[in-house]
Structure formats: C-alpha cells, structure tokens
Amino acid sequence: MDAKSYLSGYADGEGCFCVSINRSRRHAFGWEIRPSFSVSQNRDRAEVLEIFRHQLGCGSIRPDRSDKTLKYEVRSVSDLVERVIPHFEDTPLLSGKSRDFERFAVICRMMYRKLHLTEIGFNQIVDLAFEMNPSGIRKYPKEKIKI
C-alpha cells in the first residue's frame, strides 16, 4: 500500500475536518471562522503523524491536552486548499466522512477567495459548517451567528 492510500484510510477512521466558529472582536461580523484538519495518536505511535506532516508538507504536531495524545493539525487556509484538500481529492475517503470533507473543501475554497468577508459568503459558510459533523456539539446556535 502506498503512503497516500494509507493516510487517507487512517484519516477516514481517526481524522477530523472541522470548522469552528467563535466570537471575535477583530473579525468581520464579530465571528472567527476557523477550518482545520487534524489527526490524533498516542505518543508511542506518533510516527504516523510525522508521515502526515512529511507527505502533506505542512501542519504541526502538538500535545492534545484533552486526552494526552499528540495531534497533527493544519489550520492555514492556503495549506488546506493547496495541500490537504488535493490529497483527499486524489485519494478519497471511503466512509460517510467524505460528506463532511466535501463541505469542508467548499468552505476552505470560499475562504481562500475571501468570500467569508462578504455577508452572503459568511452566511453560506455558516450553513455548510452546521451541516458537518452532525453528532458534534456547537457552542453557539446557527441563528446567533448568521447575519
């Protein structure tokens, strides 16, 4: 098995495509939209995180305080659009997580084109983000965020 297929399979099980939305005084419309891709692993098996970083050519590895694992994470919108998304388009996920990835890719590309700075784009991104990870818990309801 090649590294690309291995990483896509690994991410299909252990990865997360996330778009968090938090209050912010310094961002347009009073909210920060922050997409990220991450994968966690125990310290004794952290070599897979190094493979992600090497293969994708971006991101960082840091301790995850919530569960004492290590986390590989990419937050840069340009790295997500130019490196992470193309990987998963070339070597697709096979589970239902692919639906979250598709929405994630649309959101990242909209942000890359600065559409989150427009009212219409911002609201479209919020709608897409709320369609992702339906079992997740959101801090704010969509109605409070939308403009």
C-alpha atoms as a PDB file:
ATOM      1  CA  MET A   1       0.000   0.000   0.000  1.00  0.00           C
ATOM      2  CA  ASP A   2       1.300   3.458  -0.839  1.00  0.00           C
ATOM      3  CA  ALA A   3       1.579   6.256   1.738  1.00  0.00           C
ATOM      4  CA  LYS A   4      -1.238   8.325   0.205  1.00  0.00           C
ATOM      5  CA  SER A   5      -3.766   5.494   0.483  1.00  0.00           C
ATOM      6  CA  TYR A   6      -2.584   4.662   3.989  1.00  0.00           C
ATOM      7  CA  LEU A   7      -3.014   8.265   5.147  1.00  0.00           C
ATOM      8  CA  SER A   8      -6.471   8.596   3.596  1.00  0.00           C
ATOM      9  CA  GLY A   9      -7.570   5.375   5.267  1.00  0.00           C
ATOM     10  CA  TYR A  10      -6.100   6.483   8.561  1.00  0.00           C
ATOM     11  CA  ALA A  11      -7.807   9.876   8.330  1.00  0.00           C
ATOM     12  CA  ASP A  12     -11.076   8.167   7.400  1.00  0.00           C
ATOM     13  CA  GLY A  13     -11.018   6.499  10.806  1.00  0.00           C
ATOM     14  CA  GLU A  14      -9.134   8.935  13.019  1.00  0.00           C
ATOM     15  CA  GLY A  15      -9.164  12.294  11.233  1.00  0.00           C
ATOM     16  CA  CYS A  16     -11.383  15.309  11.692  1.00  0.00           C
ATOM     17  CA  PHE A  17     -12.374  18.007   9.223  1.00  0.00           C
ATOM     18  CA  CYS A  18     -13.652  20.785  11.458  1.00  0.00           C
ATOM     19  CA  VAL A  19     -14.911  24.337  11.033  1.00  0.00           C
ATOM     20  CA  SER A  20     -15.130  26.152  14.357  1.00  0.00           C
ATOM     21  CA  ILE A  21     -16.928  29.467  14.716  1.00  0.00           C
ATOM     22  CA  ASN A  22     -16.152  31.635  17.719  1.00  0.00           C
ATOM     23  CA  ARG A  23     -16.886  35.178  18.822  1.00  0.00           C
ATOM     24  CA  SER A  24     -14.169  37.634  17.900  1.00  0.00           C
ATOM     25  CA  ARG A  25     -13.919  41.404  18.108  1.00  0.00           C
ATOM     26  CA  ARG A  26     -11.198  41.526  15.477  1.00  0.00           C
ATOM     27  CA  HIS A  27     -13.010  39.622  12.711  1.00  0.00           C
ATOM     28  CA  ALA A  28     -15.651  40.700  10.241  1.00  0.00           C
ATOM     29  CA  PHE A  29     -19.207  40.336  11.535  1.00  0.00           C
ATOM     30  CA  GLY A  30     -17.924  39.598  15.085  1.00  0.00           C
ATOM     31  CA  TRP A  31     -17.116  35.928  14.417  1.00  0.00           C
ATOM     32  CA  GLU A  32     -13.976  33.992  13.522  1.00  0.00           C
ATOM     33  CA  ILE A  33     -14.384  31.034  11.176  1.00  0.00           C
ATOM     34  CA  ARG A  34     -11.508  28.602  11.581  1.00  0.00           C
ATOM     35  CA  PRO A  35     -11.241  25.459   9.469  1.00  0.00           C
ATOM     36  CA  SER A  36      -8.799  22.741  10.462  1.00  0.00           C
ATOM     37  CA  PHE A  37      -7.829  19.196   9.609  1.00  0.00           C
ATOM     38  CA  SER A  38      -6.437  17.067  12.435  1.00  0.00           C
ATOM     39  CA  VAL A  39      -5.455  13.526  13.363  1.00  0.00           C
ATOM     40  CA  SER A  40      -4.579  12.309  16.864  1.00  0.00           C
ATOM     41  CA  GLN A  41      -2.417   9.427  18.006  1.00  0.00           C
ATOM     42  CA  ASN A  42      -0.798   8.122  21.184  1.00  0.00           C
ATOM     43  CA  ARG A  43       2.807   9.201  21.715  1.00  0.00           C
ATOM     44  CA  ASP A  44       4.158   5.673  21.232  1.00  0.00           C
ATOM     45  CA  ARG A  45       2.718   5.581  17.686  1.00  0.00           C
ATOM     46  CA  ALA A  46       3.401   9.182  16.721  1.00  0.00           C
ATOM     47  CA  GLU A  47       5.379   8.252  13.603  1.00  0.00           C
ATOM     48  CA  VAL A  48       2.116   8.276  11.630  1.00  0.00           C
ATOM     49  CA  LEU A  49       1.734  11.978  12.481  1.00  0.00           C
ATOM     50  CA  GLU A  50       5.219  12.610  11.104  1.00  0.00           C
ATOM     51  CA  ILE A  51       4.202  10.782   7.916  1.00  0.00           C
ATOM     52  CA  PHE A  52       1.195  13.116   7.568  1.00  0.00           C
ATOM     53  CA  ARG A  53       3.396  16.179   8.043  1.00  0.00           C
ATOM     54  CA  HIS A  54       6.003  14.915   5.603  1.00  0.00           C
ATOM     55  CA  GLN A  55       3.533  13.731   2.949  1.00  0.00           C
ATOM     56  CA  LEU A  56       1.351  16.857   3.052  1.00  0.00           C
ATOM     57  CA  GLY A  57       4.287  19.236   3.553  1.00  0.00           C
ATOM     58  CA  CYS A  58       2.512  21.388   6.122  1.00  0.00           C
ATOM     59  CA  GLY A  59       0.950  21.438   9.563  1.00  0.00           C
ATOM     60  CA  SER A  60       2.271  20.948  13.053  1.00  0.00           C
ATOM     61  CA  ILE A  61       2.301  18.305  15.766  1.00  0.00           C
ATOM     62  CA  ARG A  62       1.403  19.306  19.306  1.00  0.00           C
ATOM     63  CA  PRO A  63       0.231  17.734  22.551  1.00  0.00           C
ATOM     64  CA  ASP A  64      -3.554  17.475  22.859  1.00  0.00           C
ATOM     65  CA  ARG A  65      -4.360  18.362  26.468  1.00  0.00           C
ATOM     66  CA  SER A  66      -7.873  16.916  26.260  1.00  0.00           C
ATOM     67  CA  ASP A  67      -6.740  13.292  26.074  1.00  0.00           C
ATOM     68  CA  LYS A  68      -2.926  13.263  26.427  1.00  0.00           C
ATOM     69  CA  THR A  69      -2.344  12.268  22.802  1.00  0.00           C
ATOM     70  CA  LEU A  70      -0.405  14.069  20.106  1.00  0.00           C
ATOM     71  CA  LYS A  71      -2.277  15.895  17.360  1.00  0.00           C
ATOM     72  CA  TYR A  72      -1.225  16.657  13.807  1.00  0.00           C
ATOM     73  CA  GLU A  73      -3.109  19.753  12.687  1.00  0.00           C
ATOM     74  CA  VAL A  74      -3.357  22.053   9.675  1.00  0.00           C
ATOM     75  CA  ARG A  75      -5.096  25.397  10.182  1.00  0.00           C
ATOM     76  CA  SER A  76      -3.669  27.541   7.394  1.00  0.00           C
ATOM     77  CA  VAL A  77      -6.382  28.093   4.783  1.00  0.00           C
ATOM     78  CA  SER A  78      -3.805  28.201   1.993  1.00  0.00           C
ATOM     79  CA  ASP A  79      -2.230  24.901   3.152  1.00  0.00           C
ATOM     80  CA  LEU A  80      -5.677  23.339   3.434  1.00  0.00           C
ATOM     81  CA  VAL A  81      -6.606  24.436  -0.110  1.00  0.00           C
ATOM     82  CA  GLU A  82      -3.241  23.817  -1.763  1.00  0.00           C
ATOM     83  CA  ARG A  83      -2.091  20.645   0.039  1.00  0.00           C
ATOM     84  CA  VAL A  84      -4.650  18.878   2.240  1.00  0.00           C
ATOM     85  CA  ILE A  85      -7.755  19.088   0.042  1.00  0.00           C
ATOM     86  CA  PRO A  86      -5.929  17.950  -3.134  1.00  0.00           C
ATOM     87  CA  HIS A  87      -4.604  14.904  -1.237  1.00  0.00           C
ATOM     88  CA  PHE A  88      -8.106  13.777  -0.258  1.00  0.00           C
ATOM     89  CA  GLU A  89      -9.493  14.537  -3.706  1.00  0.00           C
ATOM     90  CA  ASP A  90      -6.751  12.417  -5.305  1.00  0.00           C
ATOM     91  CA  THR A  91      -7.060   9.658  -2.682  1.00  0.00           C
ATOM     92  CA  PRO A  92     -10.661   9.858  -1.444  1.00  0.00           C
ATOM     93  CA  LEU A  93     -12.147   8.857   1.868  1.00  0.00           C
ATOM     94  CA  LEU A  94     -14.432   5.822   1.645  1.00  0.00           C
ATOM     95  CA  SER A  95     -16.762   6.385   4.615  1.00  0.00           C
ATOM     96  CA  GLY A  96     -19.539   8.858   5.307  1.00  0.00           C
ATOM     97  CA  LYS A  97     -16.822  11.244   6.464  1.00  0.00           C
ATOM     98  CA  SER A  98     -16.434  12.076   2.776  1.00  0.00           C
ATOM     99  CA  ARG A  99     -19.612  14.212   3.009  1.00  0.00           C
ATOM    100  CA  ASP A 100     -18.012  16.340   5.743  1.00  0.00           C
ATOM    101  CA  PHE A 101     -14.863  16.591   3.645  1.00  0.00           C
ATOM    102  CA  GLU A 102     -16.826  17.846   0.621  1.00  0.00           C
ATOM    103  CA  ARG A 103     -18.415  20.643   2.676  1.00  0.00           C
ATOM    104  CA  PHE A 104     -15.055  21.377   4.307  1.00  0.00           C
ATOM    105  CA  ALA A 105     -13.425  21.742   0.874  1.00  0.00           C
ATOM    106  CA  VAL A 106     -16.123  24.179  -0.276  1.00  0.00           C
ATOM    107  CA  ILE A 107     -15.729  26.260   2.909  1.00  0.00           C
ATOM    108  CA  CYS A 108     -11.934  26.391   2.645  1.00  0.00           C
ATOM    109  CA  ARG A 109     -12.055  27.384  -1.017  1.00  0.00           C
ATOM    110  CA  MET A 110     -14.603  30.108  -0.249  1.00  0.00           C
ATOM    111  CA  MET A 111     -12.342  31.449   2.495  1.00  0.00           C
ATOM    112  CA  TYR A 112      -9.314  31.227   0.203  1.00  0.00           C
ATOM    113  CA  ARG A 113     -11.209  33.534  -2.180  1.00  0.00           C
ATOM    114  CA  LYS A 114     -12.103  35.822   0.790  1.00  0.00           C
ATOM    115  CA  LEU A 115     -15.838  35.168   0.409  1.00  0.00           C
ATOM    116  CA  HIS A 116     -16.205  34.845   4.198  1.00  0.00           C
ATOM    117  CA  LEU A 117     -15.691  38.614   4.305  1.00  0.00           C
ATOM    118  CA  THR A 118     -18.984  39.157   2.449  1.00  0.00           C
ATOM    119  CA  GLU A 119     -22.356  38.790   4.140  1.00  0.00           C
ATOM    120  CA  ILE A 120     -23.620  36.243   1.610  1.00  0.00           C
ATOM    121  CA  GLY A 121     -20.428  34.169   1.730  1.00  0.00           C
ATOM    122  CA  PHE A 122     -20.286  34.296   5.520  1.00  0.00           C
ATOM    123  CA  ASN A 123     -23.859  33.023   5.833  1.00  0.00           C
ATOM    124  CA  GLN A 124     -23.258  30.262   3.252  1.00  0.00           C
ATOM    125  CA  ILE A 125     -20.188  29.105   5.185  1.00  0.00           C
ATOM    126  CA  VAL A 126     -22.135  29.053   8.459  1.00  0.00           C
ATOM    127  CA  ASP A 127     -24.871  26.942   6.838  1.00  0.00           C
ATOM    128  CA  LEU A 128     -22.312  24.494   5.406  1.00  0.00           C
ATOM    129  CA  ALA A 129     -20.413  24.283   8.708  1.00  0.00           C
ATOM    130  CA  PHE A 130     -23.605  23.380  10.556  1.00  0.00           C
ATOM    131  CA  GLU A 131     -24.219  20.535   8.089  1.00  0.00           C
ATOM    132  CA  MET A 132     -20.861  18.996   9.072  1.00  0.00           C
ATOM    133  CA  ASN A 133     -20.234  16.619  11.979  1.00  0.00           C
ATOM    134  CA  PRO A 134     -23.907  16.376  12.969  1.00  0.00           C
ATOM    135  CA  SER A 135     -23.104  14.491  16.174  1.00  0.00           C
ATOM    136  CA  GLY A 136     -20.806  17.291  17.360  1.00  0.00           C
ATOM    137  CA  ILE A 137     -21.749  19.897  19.929  1.00  0.00           C
ATOM    138  CA  ARG A 138     -21.772  23.552  18.888  1.00  0.00           C
ATOM    139  CA  LYS A 139     -21.199  26.331  21.385  1.00  0.00           C
ATOM    140  CA  TYR A 140     -23.491  28.770  19.573  1.00  0.00           C
ATOM    141  CA  PRO A 141     -26.685  28.109  17.619  1.00  0.00           C
ATOM    142  CA  LYS A 142     -26.630  28.946  13.928  1.00  0.00           C
ATOM    143  CA  GLU A 143     -29.287  31.641  14.376  1.00  0.00           C
ATOM    144  CA  LYS A 144     -26.984  33.616  16.712  1.00  0.00           C
ATOM    145  CA  ILE A 145     -24.117  33.543  14.219  1.00  0.00           C
ATOM    146  CA  LYS A 146     -25.789  34.294  10.904  1.00  0.00           C
ATOM    147  CA  ILE A 147     -26.009  37.905   9.827  1.00  0.00           C
END
